[in-house]
Amino acid sequence: MFSKLSKTDLTLYVMFGLSLVFLYCAIAVS
């Protein structure tokens, strides 16, 4: 699975995941 992913794809997934976590935290705090 991971072998099919390129480095750029992996960084995109990481950024997407971090943004989701940030959104979740912002909603939970407010």
PDB file of N, CA and C in Angstrom:
ATOM      1  N   MET A   1       0.831  -1.196   0.000  1.00  0.00           N
ATOM      2  CA  MET A   1       0.000   0.000   0.000  1.00  0.00           C
ATOM      3  C   MET A   1       0.875   1.259   0.000  1.00  0.00           C
ATOM      4  N   PHE A   2       1.798   1.323   0.968  1.00  0.00           N
ATOM      5  CA  PHE A   2       2.630   2.514   1.069  1.00  0.00           C
ATOM      6  C   PHE A   2       3.630   2.604  -0.078  1.00  0.00           C
ATOM      7  N   SER A   3       3.968   1.458  -0.659  1.00  0.00           N
ATOM      8  CA  SER A   3       4.932   1.469  -1.752  1.00  0.00           C
ATOM      9  C   SER A   3       4.365   2.157  -2.988  1.00  0.00           C
ATOM     10  N   LYS A   4       3.029   2.164  -3.111  1.00  0.00           N
ATOM     11  CA  LYS A   4       2.412   2.809  -4.270  1.00  0.00           C
ATOM     12  C   LYS A   4       2.363   4.330  -4.111  1.00  0.00           C
ATOM     13  N   LEU A   5       2.436   4.786  -2.860  1.00  0.00           N
ATOM     14  CA  LEU A   5       2.364   6.222  -2.615  1.00  0.00           C
ATOM     15  C   LEU A   5       3.717   6.874  -2.863  1.00  0.00           C
ATOM     16  N   SER A   6       3.687   8.012  -3.543  1.00  0.00           N
ATOM     17  CA  SER A   6       4.916   8.770  -3.719  1.00  0.00           C
ATOM     18  C   SER A   6       5.101   9.695  -2.525  1.00  0.00           C
ATOM     19  N   LYS A   7       6.255  10.333  -2.445  1.00  0.00           N
ATOM     20  CA  LYS A   7       6.530  11.191  -1.296  1.00  0.00           C
ATOM     21  C   LYS A   7       5.576  12.387  -1.272  1.00  0.00           C
ATOM     22  N   THR A   8       5.245  12.923  -2.439  1.00  0.00           N
ATOM     23  CA  THR A   8       4.351  14.084  -2.489  1.00  0.00           C
ATOM     24  C   THR A   8       2.960  13.693  -2.021  1.00  0.00           C
ATOM     25  N   ASP A   9       2.504  12.503  -2.402  1.00  0.00           N
ATOM     26  CA  ASP A   9       1.184  12.039  -1.963  1.00  0.00           C
ATOM     27  C   ASP A   9       1.158  11.898  -0.447  1.00  0.00           C
ATOM     28  N   LEU A  10       2.243  11.370   0.115  1.00  0.00           N
ATOM     29  CA  LEU A  10       2.304  11.165   1.558  1.00  0.00           C
ATOM     30  C   LEU A  10       2.245  12.499   2.293  1.00  0.00           C
ATOM     31  N   THR A  11       2.976  13.503   1.796  1.00  0.00           N
ATOM     32  CA  THR A  11       2.949  14.811   2.456  1.00  0.00           C
ATOM     33  C   THR A  11       1.572  15.437   2.343  1.00  0.00           C
ATOM     34  N   LEU A  12       0.892  15.218   1.209  1.00  0.00           N
ATOM     35  CA  LEU A  12      -0.459  15.757   1.042  1.00  0.00           C
ATOM     36  C   LEU A  12      -1.406  15.134   2.060  1.00  0.00           C
ATOM     37  N   TYR A  13      -1.280  13.818   2.255  1.00  0.00           N
ATOM     38  CA  TYR A  13      -2.142  13.146   3.230  1.00  0.00           C
ATOM     39  C   TYR A  13      -1.854  13.644   4.640  1.00  0.00           C
ATOM     40  N   VAL A  14      -0.580  13.890   4.951  1.00  0.00           N
ATOM     41  CA  VAL A  14      -0.209  14.379   6.279  1.00  0.00           C
ATOM     42  C   VAL A  14      -0.786  15.767   6.510  1.00  0.00           C
ATOM     43  N   MET A  15      -0.666  16.655   5.515  1.00  0.00           N
ATOM     44  CA  MET A  15      -1.201  18.009   5.647  1.00  0.00           C
ATOM     45  C   MET A  15      -2.714  17.968   5.800  1.00  0.00           C
ATOM     46  N   PHE A  16      -3.363  17.086   5.040  1.00  0.00           N
ATOM     47  CA  PHE A  16      -4.814  16.948   5.124  1.00  0.00           C
ATOM     48  C   PHE A  16      -5.228  16.466   6.510  1.00  0.00           C
ATOM     49  N   GLY A  17      -4.508  15.495   7.029  1.00  0.00           N
ATOM     50  CA  GLY A  17      -4.811  14.970   8.356  1.00  0.00           C
ATOM     51  C   GLY A  17      -4.618  16.026   9.437  1.00  0.00           C
ATOM     52  N   LEU A  18      -3.541  16.808   9.322  1.00  0.00           N
ATOM     53  CA  LEU A  18      -3.284  17.859  10.308  1.00  0.00           C
ATOM     54  C   LEU A  18      -4.366  18.918  10.269  1.00  0.00           C
ATOM     55  N   SER A  19      -4.830  19.263   9.075  1.00  0.00           N
ATOM     56  CA  SER A  19      -5.886  20.275   8.956  1.00  0.00           C
ATOM     57  C   SER A  19      -7.185  19.754   9.564  1.00  0.00           C
ATOM     58  N   LEU A  20      -7.458  18.449   9.398  1.00  0.00           N
ATOM     59  CA  LEU A  20      -8.657  17.864   9.993  1.00  0.00           C
ATOM     60  C   LEU A  20      -8.572  17.909  11.515  1.00  0.00           C
ATOM     61  N   VAL A  21      -7.400  17.589  12.059  1.00  0.00           N
ATOM     62  CA  VAL A  21      -7.209  17.629  13.509  1.00  0.00           C
ATOM     63  C   VAL A  21      -7.372  19.053  14.019  1.00  0.00           C
ATOM     64  N   PHE A  22      -6.829  20.023  13.282  1.00  0.00           N
ATOM     65  CA  PHE A  22      -6.937  21.430  13.681  1.00  0.00           C
ATOM     66  C   PHE A  22      -8.392  21.871  13.687  1.00  0.00           C
ATOM     67  N   LEU A  23      -9.142  21.468  12.654  1.00  0.00           N
ATOM     68  CA  LEU A  23     -10.561  21.813  12.588  1.00  0.00           C
ATOM     69  C   LEU A  23     -11.321  21.186  13.747  1.00  0.00           C
ATOM     70  N   TYR A  24     -11.029  19.924  14.045  1.00  0.00           N
ATOM     71  CA  TYR A  24     -11.707  19.228  15.140  1.00  0.00           C
ATOM     72  C   TYR A  24     -11.431  19.915  16.473  1.00  0.00           C
ATOM     73  N   CYS A  25     -10.168  20.307  16.690  1.00  0.00           N
ATOM     74  CA  CYS A  25      -9.810  20.988  17.937  1.00  0.00           C
ATOM     75  C   CYS A  25     -10.500  22.343  18.022  1.00  0.00           C
ATOM     76  N   ALA A  26     -10.562  23.066  16.912  1.00  0.00           N
ATOM     77  CA  ALA A  26     -11.196  24.387  16.906  1.00  0.00           C
ATOM     78  C   ALA A  26     -12.684  24.268  17.230  1.00  0.00           C
ATOM     79  N   ILE A  27     -13.324  23.232  16.691  1.00  0.00           N
ATOM     80  CA  ILE A  27     -14.756  23.030  16.948  1.00  0.00           C
ATOM     81  C   ILE A  27     -14.976  22.589  18.396  1.00  0.00           C
ATOM     82  N   ALA A  28     -14.096  21.741  18.902  1.00  0.00           N
ATOM     83  CA  ALA A  28     -14.256  21.229  20.263  1.00  0.00           C
ATOM     84  C   ALA A  28     -14.045  22.333  21.299  1.00  0.00           C
ATOM     85  N   VAL A  29     -13.114  23.243  21.029  1.00  0.00           N
ATOM     86  CA  VAL A  29     -12.811  24.312  21.988  1.00  0.00           C
ATOM     87  C   VAL A  29     -13.926  25.346  22.017  1.00  0.00           C
ATOM     88  N   SER A  30     -14.429  25.704  20.857  1.00  0.00           N
ATOM     89  CA  SER A  30     -15.447  26.759  20.794  1.00  0.00           C
ATOM     90  C   SER A  30     -16.797  26.287  21.325  1.00  0.00           C
TER      91      SER A  30
END
